Amino acid sequence: MRKFKSGATRNEDKDKLDIEGFLCPYCVQLFCEYMHGHRFLESGELRDSDNWQKGFDKGVNLKSGLRHIHDWWLEERGFSSREGLTKALCGVVFNALARLHEEHTKRKQ
């Protein structure tokens, strides 16, 4: 039990997820900006922010993720990529999260 100067008490938190410590708010902001920028379709239509959660065919995230990894690799070697390092890294994160989402939502069905 944790007891605070104010007299308030809380259970210990050593076995709880430290989301604040695991994530960087600035990187989350960059990722959200990346995701928002990719909501706009060629037709000009704006898709829902959670559209990606509907799922993709097998292999789509791997192929896309590898293209973003290739861009990351180019940037690391001093070459230009399609969209630059920040967007390449956000693309890698997106594809990994989308695949992770599919893996774990599929098990619940």
PDB file of N, CA and C in Angstrom:
ATOM      1  N   MET A   1       0.850  -1.179   0.000  1.00  0.00           N
ATOM      2  CA  MET A   1       0.000   0.000   0.000  1.00  0.00           C
ATOM      3  C   MET A   1       0.892   1.237   0.000  1.00  0.00           C
ATOM      4  N   ARG A   2       0.547   2.188  -0.838  1.00  0.00           N
ATOM      5  CA  ARG A   2       1.249   3.471  -0.857  1.00  0.00           C
ATOM      6  C   ARG A   2       0.400   4.478  -0.094  1.00  0.00           C
ATOM      7  N   LYS A   3       1.064   5.250   0.770  1.00  0.00           N
ATOM      8  CA  LYS A   3       0.361   6.298   1.510  1.00  0.00           C
ATOM      9  C   LYS A   3       1.035   7.621   1.177  1.00  0.00           C
ATOM     10  N   PHE A   4       0.231   8.630   0.847  1.00  0.00           N
ATOM     11  CA  PHE A   4       0.728   9.931   0.434  1.00  0.00           C
ATOM     12  C   PHE A   4       0.621  10.939   1.567  1.00  0.00           C
ATOM     13  N   LYS A   5       1.389  12.023   1.449  1.00  0.00           N
ATOM     14  CA  LYS A   5       1.399  13.073   2.479  1.00  0.00           C
ATOM     15  C   LYS A   5       0.001  13.581   2.772  1.00  0.00           C
ATOM     16  N   SER A   6      -0.841  13.585   1.759  1.00  0.00           N
ATOM     17  CA  SER A   6      -2.211  14.085   1.925  1.00  0.00           C
ATOM     18  C   SER A   6      -3.073  13.139   2.747  1.00  0.00           C
ATOM     19  N   GLY A   7      -2.592  11.911   2.947  1.00  0.00           N
ATOM     20  CA  GLY A   7      -3.380  10.900   3.637  1.00  0.00           C
ATOM     21  C   GLY A   7      -4.037   9.914   2.674  1.00  0.00           C
ATOM     22  N   ALA A   8      -4.001  10.240   1.392  1.00  0.00           N
ATOM     23  CA  ALA A   8      -4.578   9.342   0.393  1.00  0.00           C
ATOM     24  C   ALA A   8      -3.753   8.063   0.297  1.00  0.00           C
ATOM     25  N   THR A   9      -4.417   6.990  -0.051  1.00  0.00           N
ATOM     26  CA  THR A   9      -3.726   5.704  -0.221  1.00  0.00           C
ATOM     27  C   THR A   9      -4.057   5.117  -1.582  1.00  0.00           C
ATOM     28  N   ARG A  10      -3.109   4.343  -2.076  1.00  0.00           N
ATOM     29  CA  ARG A  10      -3.282   3.629  -3.348  1.00  0.00           C
ATOM     30  C   ARG A  10      -2.597   2.283  -3.217  1.00  0.00           C
ATOM     31  N   ASN A  11      -3.067   1.315  -3.993  1.00  0.00           N
ATOM     32  CA  ASN A  11      -2.371   0.039  -4.057  1.00  0.00           C
ATOM     33  C   ASN A  11      -1.014   0.247  -4.713  1.00  0.00           C
ATOM     34  N   GLU A  12      -0.098  -0.670  -4.497  1.00  0.00           N
ATOM     35  CA  GLU A  12       1.201  -0.627  -5.160  1.00  0.00           C
ATOM     36  C   GLU A  12       0.982  -0.721  -6.673  1.00  0.00           C
ATOM     37  N   ASP A  13       1.901  -0.140  -7.443  1.00  0.00           N
ATOM     38  CA  ASP A  13       1.743  -0.168  -8.901  1.00  0.00           C
ATOM     39  C   ASP A  13       2.868  -0.919  -9.617  1.00  0.00           C
ATOM     40  N   LYS A  14       3.696  -1.632  -8.871  1.00  0.00           N
ATOM     41  CA  LYS A  14       4.852  -2.291  -9.478  1.00  0.00           C
ATOM     42  C   LYS A  14       4.480  -3.385 -10.476  1.00  0.00           C
ATOM     43  N   ASP A  15       3.291  -3.968 -10.381  1.00  0.00           N
ATOM     44  CA  ASP A  15       2.874  -5.017 -11.310  1.00  0.00           C
ATOM     45  C   ASP A  15       1.890  -4.500 -12.362  1.00  0.00           C
ATOM     46  N   LYS A  16       1.731  -3.175 -12.445  1.00  0.00           N
ATOM     47  CA  LYS A  16       0.811  -2.583 -13.412  1.00  0.00           C
ATOM     48  C   LYS A  16       1.593  -2.046 -14.602  1.00  0.00           C
ATOM     49  N   LEU A  17       0.955  -2.026 -15.760  1.00  0.00           N
ATOM     50  CA  LEU A  17       1.600  -1.498 -16.959  1.00  0.00           C
ATOM     51  C   LEU A  17       1.908  -0.018 -16.781  1.00  0.00           C
ATOM     52  N   ASP A  18       3.111   0.377 -17.131  1.00  0.00           N
ATOM     53  CA  ASP A  18       3.533   1.782 -17.029  1.00  0.00           C
ATOM     54  C   ASP A  18       3.427   2.421 -18.408  1.00  0.00           C
ATOM     55  N   ILE A  19       2.195   2.651 -18.845  1.00  0.00           N
ATOM     56  CA  ILE A  19       1.961   3.176 -20.188  1.00  0.00           C
ATOM     57  C   ILE A  19       2.651   4.521 -20.366  1.00  0.00           C
ATOM     58  N   GLU A  20       2.612   5.360 -19.362  1.00  0.00           N
ATOM     59  CA  GLU A  20       3.267   6.675 -19.446  1.00  0.00           C
ATOM     60  C   GLU A  20       4.768   6.528 -19.659  1.00  0.00           C
ATOM     61  N   GLY A  21       5.365   5.527 -19.081  1.00  0.00           N
ATOM     62  CA  GLY A  21       6.793   5.297 -19.244  1.00  0.00           C
ATOM     63  C   GLY A  21       7.148   4.600 -20.549  1.00  0.00           C
ATOM     64  N   PHE A  22       6.240   3.755 -21.033  1.00  0.00           N
ATOM     65  CA  PHE A  22       6.518   2.979 -22.239  1.00  0.00           C
ATOM     66  C   PHE A  22       6.366   3.787 -23.514  1.00  0.00           C
ATOM     67  N   LEU A  23       5.548   4.833 -23.492  1.00  0.00           N
ATOM     68  CA  LEU A  23       5.275   5.614 -24.696  1.00  0.00           C
ATOM     69  C   LEU A  23       5.791   7.038 -24.556  1.00  0.00           C
ATOM     70  N   CYS A  24       6.218   7.600 -25.663  1.00  0.00           N
ATOM     71  CA  CYS A  24       6.658   8.988 -25.708  1.00  0.00           C
ATOM     72  C   CYS A  24       5.513   9.808 -26.311  1.00  0.00           C
ATOM     73  N   PRO A  25       4.980  10.796 -25.587  1.00  0.00           N
ATOM     74  CA  PRO A  25       3.840  11.547 -26.129  1.00  0.00           C
ATOM     75  C   PRO A  25       4.154  12.263 -27.430  1.00  0.00           C
ATOM     76  N   TYR A  26       5.380  12.702 -27.620  1.00  0.00           N
ATOM     77  CA  TYR A  26       5.743  13.375 -28.871  1.00  0.00           C
ATOM     78  C   TYR A  26       5.715  12.386 -30.039  1.00  0.00           C
ATOM     79  N   CYS A  27       6.213  11.177 -29.817  1.00  0.00           N
ATOM     80  CA  CYS A  27       6.191  10.168 -30.880  1.00  0.00           C
ATOM     81  C   CYS A  27       4.761   9.737 -31.184  1.00  0.00           C
ATOM     82  N   VAL A  28       3.916   9.643 -30.153  1.00  0.00           N
ATOM     83  CA  VAL A  28       2.504   9.323 -30.377  1.00  0.00           C
ATOM     84  C   VAL A  28       1.861  10.423 -31.218  1.00  0.00           C
ATOM     85  N   GLN A  29       2.198  11.682 -30.936  1.00  0.00           N
ATOM     86  CA  GLN A  29       1.685  12.812 -31.717  1.00  0.00           C
ATOM     87  C   GLN A  29       2.117  12.696 -33.186  1.00  0.00           C
ATOM     88  N   LEU A  30       3.397  12.407 -33.420  1.00  0.00           N
ATOM     89  CA  LEU A  30       3.894  12.243 -34.790  1.00  0.00           C
ATOM     90  C   LEU A  30       3.161  11.117 -35.510  1.00  0.00           C
ATOM     91  N   PHE A  31       2.945  10.020 -34.811  1.00  0.00           N
ATOM     92  CA  PHE A  31       2.247   8.882 -35.404  1.00  0.00           C
ATOM     93  C   PHE A  31       0.802   9.254 -35.746  1.00  0.00           C
ATOM     94  N   CYS A  32       0.129   9.951 -34.838  1.00  0.00           N
ATOM     95  CA  CYS A  32      -1.258  10.363 -35.099  1.00  0.00           C
ATOM     96  C   CYS A  32      -1.327  11.330 -36.277  1.00  0.00           C
ATOM     97  N   GLU A  33      -0.366  12.224 -36.399  1.00  0.00           N
ATOM     98  CA  GLU A  33      -0.318  13.130 -37.547  1.00  0.00           C
ATOM     99  C   GLU A  33      -0.108  12.345 -38.843  1.00  0.00           C
ATOM    100  N   TYR A  34       0.756  11.333 -38.796  1.00  0.00           N
ATOM    101  CA  TYR A  34       0.979  10.470 -39.951  1.00  0.00           C
ATOM    102  C   TYR A  34      -0.326   9.761 -40.338  1.00  0.00           C
ATOM    103  N   MET A  35      -0.987   9.184 -39.343  1.00  0.00           N
ATOM    104  CA  MET A  35      -2.233   8.460 -39.599  1.00  0.00           C
ATOM    105  C   MET A  35      -3.300   9.395 -40.159  1.00  0.00           C
ATOM    106  N   HIS A  36      -3.423  10.582 -39.604  1.00  0.00           N
ATOM    107  CA  HIS A  36      -4.422  11.538 -40.094  1.00  0.00           C
ATOM    108  C   HIS A  36      -4.134  11.909 -41.548  1.00  0.00           C
ATOM    109  N   GLY A  37      -2.894  12.113 -41.878  1.00  0.00           N
ATOM    110  CA  GLY A  37      -2.523  12.455 -43.245  1.00  0.00           C
ATOM    111  C   GLY A  37      -2.861  11.367 -44.250  1.00  0.00           C
ATOM    112  N   HIS A  38      -2.956  10.136 -43.774  1.00  0.00           N
ATOM    113  CA  HIS A  38      -3.277   9.016 -44.662  1.00  0.00           C
ATOM    114  C   HIS A  38      -4.764   8.666 -44.647  1.00  0.00           C
ATOM    115  N   ARG A  39      -5.568   9.507 -44.039  1.00  0.00           N
ATOM    116  CA  ARG A  39      -7.021   9.294 -44.050  1.00  0.00           C
ATOM    117  C   ARG A  39      -7.647   9.781 -45.350  1.00  0.00           C
ATOM    118  N   PHE A  40      -6.947  10.644 -46.067  1.00  0.00           N
ATOM    119  CA  PHE A  40      -7.509  11.250 -47.269  1.00  0.00           C
ATOM    120  C   PHE A  40      -7.279  10.348 -48.477  1.00  0.00           C
ATOM    121  N   LEU A  41      -8.367   9.928 -49.104  1.00  0.00           N
ATOM    122  CA  LEU A  41      -8.283   9.070 -50.279  1.00  0.00           C
ATOM    123  C   LEU A  41      -8.045   9.914 -51.530  1.00  0.00           C
ATOM    124  N   GLU A  42      -7.614   9.279 -52.603  1.00  0.00           N
ATOM    125  CA  GLU A  42      -7.374   9.991 -53.856  1.00  0.00           C
ATOM    126  C   GLU A  42      -8.616  10.746 -54.330  1.00  0.00           C
ATOM    127  N   SER A  43      -9.801  10.217 -53.992  1.00  0.00           N
ATOM    128  CA  SER A  43     -11.059  10.851 -54.388  1.00  0.00           C
ATOM    129  C   SER A  43     -11.345  12.115 -53.566  1.00  0.00           C
ATOM    130  N   GLY A  44     -10.562  12.331 -52.513  1.00  0.00           N
ATOM    131  CA  GLY A  44     -10.799  13.462 -51.621  1.00  0.00           C
ATOM    132  C   GLY A  44     -11.627  13.078 -50.410  1.00  0.00           C
ATOM    133  N   GLU A  45     -12.187  11.874 -50.444  1.00  0.00           N
ATOM    134  CA  GLU A  45     -12.997  11.386 -49.330  1.00  0.00           C
ATOM    135  C   GLU A  45     -12.114  11.156 -48.103  1.00  0.00           C
ATOM    136  N   LEU A  46     -12.688  11.393 -46.928  1.00  0.00           N
ATOM    137  CA  LEU A  46     -11.981  11.170 -45.666  1.00  0.00           C
ATOM    138  C   LEU A  46     -12.489   9.870 -45.050  1.00  0.00           C
ATOM    139  N   ARG A  47     -11.584   8.890 -44.897  1.00  0.00           N
ATOM    140  CA  ARG A  47     -12.010   7.633 -44.283  1.00  0.00           C
ATOM    141  C   ARG A  47     -11.962   7.751 -42.767  1.00  0.00           C
ATOM    142  N   ASP A  48     -12.709   6.899 -42.083  1.00  0.00           N
ATOM    143  CA  ASP A  48     -12.728   6.897 -40.625  1.00  0.00           C
ATOM    144  C   ASP A  48     -11.343   6.577 -40.081  1.00  0.00           C
ATOM    145  N   SER A  49     -11.022   7.146 -38.955  1.00  0.00           N
ATOM    146  CA  SER A  49      -9.700   6.935 -38.367  1.00  0.00           C
ATOM    147  C   SER A  49      -9.459   5.475 -37.998  1.00  0.00           C
ATOM    148  N   ASP A  50     -10.516   4.737 -37.709  1.00  0.00           N
ATOM    149  CA  ASP A  50     -10.351   3.327 -37.329  1.00  0.00           C
ATOM    150  C   ASP A  50     -10.611   2.369 -38.490  1.00  0.00           C
ATOM    151  N   ASN A  51     -10.644   2.881 -39.708  1.00  0.00           N
ATOM    152  CA  ASN A  51     -10.893   2.066 -40.889  1.00  0.00           C
ATOM    153  C   ASN A  51      -9.940   0.882 -40.990  1.00  0.00           C
ATOM    154  N   TRP A  52      -8.697   1.075 -40.614  1.00  0.00           N
ATOM    155  CA  TRP A  52      -7.673   0.027 -40.712  1.00  0.00           C
ATOM    156  C   TRP A  52      -8.020  -1.189 -39.861  1.00  0.00           C
ATOM    157  N   GLN A  53      -8.839  -0.991 -38.828  1.00  0.00           N
ATOM    158  CA  GLN A  53      -9.176  -2.101 -37.936  1.00  0.00           C
ATOM    159  C   GLN A  53     -10.117  -3.116 -38.581  1.00  0.00           C
ATOM    160  N   LYS A  54     -10.634  -2.797 -39.760  1.00  0.00           N
ATOM    161  CA  LYS A  54     -11.476  -3.745 -40.494  1.00  0.00           C
ATOM    162  C   LYS A  54     -10.646  -4.907 -41.030  1.00  0.00           C
ATOM    163  N   GLY A  55      -9.342  -4.689 -41.164  1.00  0.00           N
ATOM    164  CA  GLY A  55      -8.445  -5.768 -41.563  1.00  0.00           C
ATOM    165  C   GLY A  55      -8.000  -5.695 -43.009  1.00  0.00           C
ATOM    166  N   PHE A  56      -6.924  -6.399 -43.275  1.00  0.00           N
ATOM    167  CA  PHE A  56      -6.319  -6.463 -44.601  1.00  0.00           C
ATOM    168  C   PHE A  56      -6.106  -7.925 -44.976  1.00  0.00           C
ATOM    169  N   ASP A  57      -5.979  -8.184 -46.255  1.00  0.00           N
ATOM    170  CA  ASP A  57      -5.666  -9.538 -46.713  1.00  0.00           C
ATOM    171  C   ASP A  57      -4.274  -9.930 -46.224  1.00  0.00           C
ATOM    172  N   LYS A  58      -4.074 -11.225 -46.095  1.00  0.00           N
ATOM    173  CA  LYS A  58      -2.783 -11.739 -45.628  1.00  0.00           C
ATOM    174  C   LYS A  58      -1.641 -11.214 -46.493  1.00  0.00           C
ATOM    175  N   GLY A  59      -0.600 -10.746 -45.842  1.00  0.00           N
ATOM    176  CA  GLY A  59       0.598 -10.300 -46.534  1.00  0.00           C
ATOM    177  C   GLY A  59       0.637  -8.821 -46.866  1.00  0.00           C
ATOM    178  N   VAL A  60      -0.495  -8.132 -46.815  1.00  0.00           N
ATOM    179  CA  VAL A  60      -0.533  -6.715 -47.172  1.00  0.00           C
ATOM    180  C   VAL A  60       0.348  -5.896 -46.235  1.00  0.00           C
ATOM    181  N   ASN A  61       0.225  -6.132 -44.934  1.00  0.00           N
ATOM    182  CA  ASN A  61       1.028  -5.367 -43.969  1.00  0.00           C
ATOM    183  C   ASN A  61       2.510  -5.682 -44.088  1.00  0.00           C
ATOM    184  N   LEU A  62       2.849  -6.916 -44.375  1.00  0.00           N
ATOM    185  CA  LEU A  62       4.251  -7.280 -44.533  1.00  0.00           C
ATOM    186  C   LEU A  62       4.852  -6.570 -45.740  1.00  0.00           C
ATOM    187  N   LYS A  63       4.164  -6.617 -46.873  1.00  0.00           N
ATOM    188  CA  LYS A  63       4.679  -5.966 -48.084  1.00  0.00           C
ATOM    189  C   LYS A  63       4.835  -4.455 -47.870  1.00  0.00           C
ATOM    190  N   SER A  64       3.818  -3.828 -47.297  1.00  0.00           N
ATOM    191  CA  SER A  64       3.870  -2.390 -47.046  1.00  0.00           C
ATOM    192  C   SER A  64       4.952  -2.066 -46.015  1.00  0.00           C
ATOM    193  N   GLY A  65       4.991  -2.862 -44.953  1.00  0.00           N
ATOM    194  CA  GLY A  65       5.994  -2.644 -43.922  1.00  0.00           C
ATOM    195  C   GLY A  65       7.409  -2.737 -44.456  1.00  0.00           C
ATOM    196  N   LEU A  66       7.652  -3.684 -45.345  1.00  0.00           N
ATOM    197  CA  LEU A  66       8.984  -3.835 -45.926  1.00  0.00           C
ATOM    198  C   LEU A  66       9.350  -2.646 -46.808  1.00  0.00           C
ATOM    199  N   ARG A  67       8.351  -2.073 -47.509  1.00  0.00           N
ATOM    200  CA  ARG A  67       8.639  -0.867 -48.294  1.00  0.00           C
ATOM    201  C   ARG A  67       9.060   0.277 -47.366  1.00  0.00           C
ATOM    202  N   HIS A  68       8.396   0.399 -46.216  1.00  0.00           N
ATOM    203  CA  HIS A  68       8.771   1.440 -45.254  1.00  0.00           C
ATOM    204  C   HIS A  68      10.130   1.151 -44.610  1.00  0.00           C
ATOM    205  N   ILE A  69      10.409  -0.123 -44.363  1.00  0.00           N
ATOM    206  CA  ILE A  69      11.735  -0.486 -43.841  1.00  0.00           C
ATOM    207  C   ILE A  69      12.811  -0.158 -44.876  1.00  0.00           C
ATOM    208  N   HIS A  70      12.510  -0.385 -46.139  1.00  0.00           N
ATOM    209  CA  HIS A  70      13.457  -0.040 -47.191  1.00  0.00           C
ATOM    210  C   HIS A  70      13.722   1.463 -47.190  1.00  0.00           C
ATOM    211  N   ASP A  71      12.673   2.269 -47.030  1.00  0.00           N
ATOM    212  CA  ASP A  71      12.848   3.723 -46.934  1.00  0.00           C
ATOM    213  C   ASP A  71      13.704   4.091 -45.718  1.00  0.00           C
ATOM    214  N   TRP A  72      13.458   3.438 -44.604  1.00  0.00           N
ATOM    215  CA  TRP A  72      14.244   3.659 -43.381  1.00  0.00           C
ATOM    216  C   TRP A  72      15.706   3.348 -43.665  1.00  0.00           C
ATOM    217  N   TRP A  73      15.946   2.216 -44.302  1.00  0.00           N
ATOM    218  CA  TRP A  73      17.299   1.778 -44.628  1.00  0.00           C
ATOM    219  C   TRP A  73      17.990   2.795 -45.544  1.00  0.00           C
ATOM    220  N   LEU A  74      17.280   3.261 -46.579  1.00  0.00           N
ATOM    221  CA  LEU A  74      17.838   4.286 -47.455  1.00  0.00           C
ATOM    222  C   LEU A  74      18.259   5.521 -46.658  1.00  0.00           C
ATOM    223  N   GLU A  75      17.383   5.986 -45.791  1.00  0.00           N
ATOM    224  CA  GLU A  75      17.669   7.176 -44.976  1.00  0.00           C
ATOM    225  C   GLU A  75      18.881   6.946 -44.072  1.00  0.00           C
ATOM    226  N   GLU A  76      18.969   5.774 -43.480  1.00  0.00           N
ATOM    227  CA  GLU A  76      20.102   5.452 -42.604  1.00  0.00           C
ATOM    228  C   GLU A  76      21.423   5.464 -43.368  1.00  0.00           C
ATOM    229  N   ARG A  77      21.370   5.135 -44.659  1.00  0.00           N
ATOM    230  CA  ARG A  77      22.578   5.089 -45.489  1.00  0.00           C
ATOM    231  C   ARG A  77      22.848   6.410 -46.204  1.00  0.00           C
ATOM    232  N   GLY A  78      22.041   7.447 -45.873  1.00  0.00           N
ATOM    233  CA  GLY A  78      22.286   8.767 -46.437  1.00  0.00           C
ATOM    234  C   GLY A  78      21.611   9.040 -47.769  1.00  0.00           C
ATOM    235  N   PHE A  79      20.705   8.175 -48.173  1.00  0.00           N
ATOM    236  CA  PHE A  79      19.963   8.366 -49.421  1.00  0.00           C
ATOM    237  C   PHE A  79      18.577   8.933 -49.105  1.00  0.00           C
ATOM    238  N   SER A  80      17.947   9.490 -50.114  1.00  0.00           N
ATOM    239  CA  SER A  80      16.577   9.980 -49.955  1.00  0.00           C
ATOM    240  C   SER A  80      15.599   8.828 -50.142  1.00  0.00           C
ATOM    241  N   SER A  81      14.512   8.883 -49.404  1.00  0.00           N
ATOM    242  CA  SER A  81      13.447   7.895 -49.569  1.00  0.00           C
ATOM    243  C   SER A  81      12.190   8.587 -50.066  1.00  0.00           C
ATOM    244  N   ARG A  82      11.115   7.842 -50.184  1.00  0.00           N
ATOM    245  CA  ARG A  82       9.856   8.394 -50.711  1.00  0.00           C
ATOM    246  C   ARG A  82       9.321   9.535 -49.858  1.00  0.00           C
ATOM    247  N   GLU A  83       9.330   9.367 -48.532  1.00  0.00           N
ATOM    248  CA  GLU A  83       8.694  10.355 -47.658  1.00  0.00           C
ATOM    249  C   GLU A  83       9.565  10.830 -46.498  1.00  0.00           C
ATOM    250  N   GLY A  84      10.786  10.353 -46.403  1.00  0.00           N
ATOM    251  CA  GLY A  84      11.660  10.748 -45.307  1.00  0.00           C
ATOM    252  C   GLY A  84      11.600   9.774 -44.143  1.00  0.00           C
ATOM    253  N   LEU A  85      12.520   9.955 -43.218  1.00  0.00           N
ATOM    254  CA  LEU A  85      12.687   9.005 -42.119  1.00  0.00           C
ATOM    255  C   LEU A  85      11.490   8.949 -41.183  1.00  0.00           C
ATOM    256  N   THR A  86      10.965  10.088 -40.770  1.00  0.00           N
ATOM    257  CA  THR A  86       9.855  10.077 -39.809  1.00  0.00           C
ATOM    258  C   THR A  86       8.661   9.318 -40.360  1.00  0.00           C
ATOM    259  N   LYS A  87       8.289   9.598 -41.591  1.00  0.00           N
ATOM    260  CA  LYS A  87       7.134   8.907 -42.182  1.00  0.00           C
ATOM    261  C   LYS A  87       7.445   7.436 -42.431  1.00  0.00           C
ATOM    262  N   ALA A  88       8.678   7.112 -42.766  1.00  0.00           N
ATOM    263  CA  ALA A  88       9.053   5.705 -42.946  1.00  0.00           C
ATOM    264  C   ALA A  88       8.877   4.947 -41.629  1.00  0.00           C
ATOM    265  N   LEU A  89       9.343   5.540 -40.535  1.00  0.00           N
ATOM    266  CA  LEU A  89       9.219   4.880 -39.235  1.00  0.00           C
ATOM    267  C   LEU A  89       7.759   4.766 -38.808  1.00  0.00           C
ATOM    268  N   CYS A  90       6.971   5.808 -39.061  1.00  0.00           N
ATOM    269  CA  CYS A  90       5.543   5.738 -38.742  1.00  0.00           C
ATOM    270  C   CYS A  90       4.863   4.652 -39.565  1.00  0.00           C
ATOM    271  N   GLY A  91       5.264   4.492 -40.820  1.00  0.00           N
ATOM    272  CA  GLY A  91       4.715   3.431 -41.661  1.00  0.00           C
ATOM    273  C   GLY A  91       5.056   2.048 -41.141  1.00  0.00           C
ATOM    274  N   VAL A  92       6.267   1.880 -40.645  1.00  0.00           N
ATOM    275  CA  VAL A  92       6.665   0.607 -40.039  1.00  0.00           C
ATOM    276  C   VAL A  92       5.793   0.325 -38.811  1.00  0.00           C
ATOM    277  N   VAL A  93       5.645   1.329 -37.953  1.00  0.00           N
ATOM    278  CA  VAL A  93       4.834   1.177 -36.737  1.00  0.00           C
ATOM    279  C   VAL A  93       3.393   0.833 -37.114  1.00  0.00           C
ATOM    280  N   PHE A  94       2.824   1.562 -38.078  1.00  0.00           N
ATOM    281  CA  PHE A  94       1.441   1.292 -38.478  1.00  0.00           C
ATOM    282  C   PHE A  94       1.271  -0.152 -38.928  1.00  0.00           C
ATOM    283  N   ASN A  95       2.134  -0.606 -39.832  1.00  0.00           N
ATOM    284  CA  ASN A  95       1.980  -1.958 -40.352  1.00  0.00           C
ATOM    285  C   ASN A  95       2.170  -3.018 -39.279  1.00  0.00           C
ATOM    286  N   ALA A  96       3.081  -2.784 -38.355  1.00  0.00           N
ATOM    287  CA  ALA A  96       3.267  -3.727 -37.248  1.00  0.00           C
ATOM    288  C   ALA A  96       2.031  -3.744 -36.340  1.00  0.00           C
ATOM    289  N   LEU A  97       1.493  -2.571 -36.023  1.00  0.00           N
ATOM    290  CA  LEU A  97       0.300  -2.515 -35.175  1.00  0.00           C
ATOM    291  C   LEU A  97      -0.916  -3.130 -35.868  1.00  0.00           C
ATOM    292  N   ALA A  98      -1.063  -2.874 -37.156  1.00  0.00           N
ATOM    293  CA  ALA A  98      -2.187  -3.446 -37.894  1.00  0.00           C
ATOM    294  C   ALA A  98      -2.097  -4.972 -37.908  1.00  0.00           C
ATOM    295  N   ARG A  99      -0.907  -5.496 -38.099  1.00  0.00           N
ATOM    296  CA  ARG A  99      -0.727  -6.960 -38.098  1.00  0.00           C
ATOM    297  C   ARG A  99      -0.959  -7.529 -36.706  1.00  0.00           C
ATOM    298  N   LEU A 100      -0.451  -6.840 -35.681  1.00  0.00           N
ATOM    299  CA  LEU A 100      -0.671  -7.276 -34.302  1.00  0.00           C
ATOM    300  C   LEU A 100      -2.162  -7.274 -33.974  1.00  0.00           C
ATOM    301  N   HIS A 101      -2.862  -6.241 -34.423  1.00  0.00           N
ATOM    302  CA  HIS A 101      -4.312  -6.154 -34.213  1.00  0.00           C
ATOM    303  C   HIS A 101      -5.016  -7.344 -34.852  1.00  0.00           C
ATOM    304  N   GLU A 102      -4.653  -7.663 -36.081  1.00  0.00           N
ATOM    305  CA  GLU A 102      -5.280  -8.794 -36.753  1.00  0.00           C
ATOM    306  C   GLU A 102      -4.990 -10.108 -36.042  1.00  0.00           C
ATOM    307  N   GLU A 103      -3.775 -10.288 -35.600  1.00  0.00           N
ATOM    308  CA  GLU A 103      -3.391 -11.515 -34.910  1.00  0.00           C
ATOM    309  C   GLU A 103      -4.223 -11.728 -33.650  1.00  0.00           C
ATOM    310  N   HIS A 104      -4.454 -10.669 -32.915  1.00  0.00           N
ATOM    311  CA  HIS A 104      -5.123 -10.828 -31.630  1.00  0.00           C
ATOM    312  C   HIS A 104      -6.636 -10.680 -31.705  1.00  0.00           C
ATOM    313  N   THR A 105      -7.162  -9.983 -32.683  1.00  0.00           N
ATOM    314  CA  THR A 105      -8.620  -9.930 -32.824  1.00  0.00           C
ATOM    315  C   THR A 105      -9.124 -11.208 -33.497  1.00  0.00           C
ATOM    316  N   LYS A 106      -8.308 -11.798 -34.339  1.00  0.00           N
ATOM    317  CA  LYS A 106      -8.672 -13.057 -35.012  1.00  0.00           C
ATOM    318  C   LYS A 106      -8.875 -14.163 -33.962  1.00  0.00           C
ATOM    319  N   ARG A 107      -8.040 -14.171 -32.946  1.00  0.00           N
ATOM    320  CA  ARG A 107      -8.133 -15.206 -31.907  1.00  0.00           C
ATOM    321  C   ARG A 107      -9.425 -15.099 -31.109  1.00  0.00           C
ATOM    322  N   LYS A 108      -9.972 -13.881 -30.999  1.00  0.00           N
ATOM    323  CA  LYS A 108     -11.175 -13.668 -30.197  1.00  0.00           C
ATOM    324  C   LYS A 108     -12.453 -14.015 -30.940  1.00  0.00           C
ATOM    325  N   GLN A 109     -12.361 -14.215 -32.263  1.00  0.00           N
ATOM    326  CA  GLN A 109     -13.565 -14.478 -33.052  1.00  0.00           C
ATOM    327  C   GLN A 109     -13.937 -15.935 -33.014  1.00  0.00           C
TER     328      GLN A 109
END
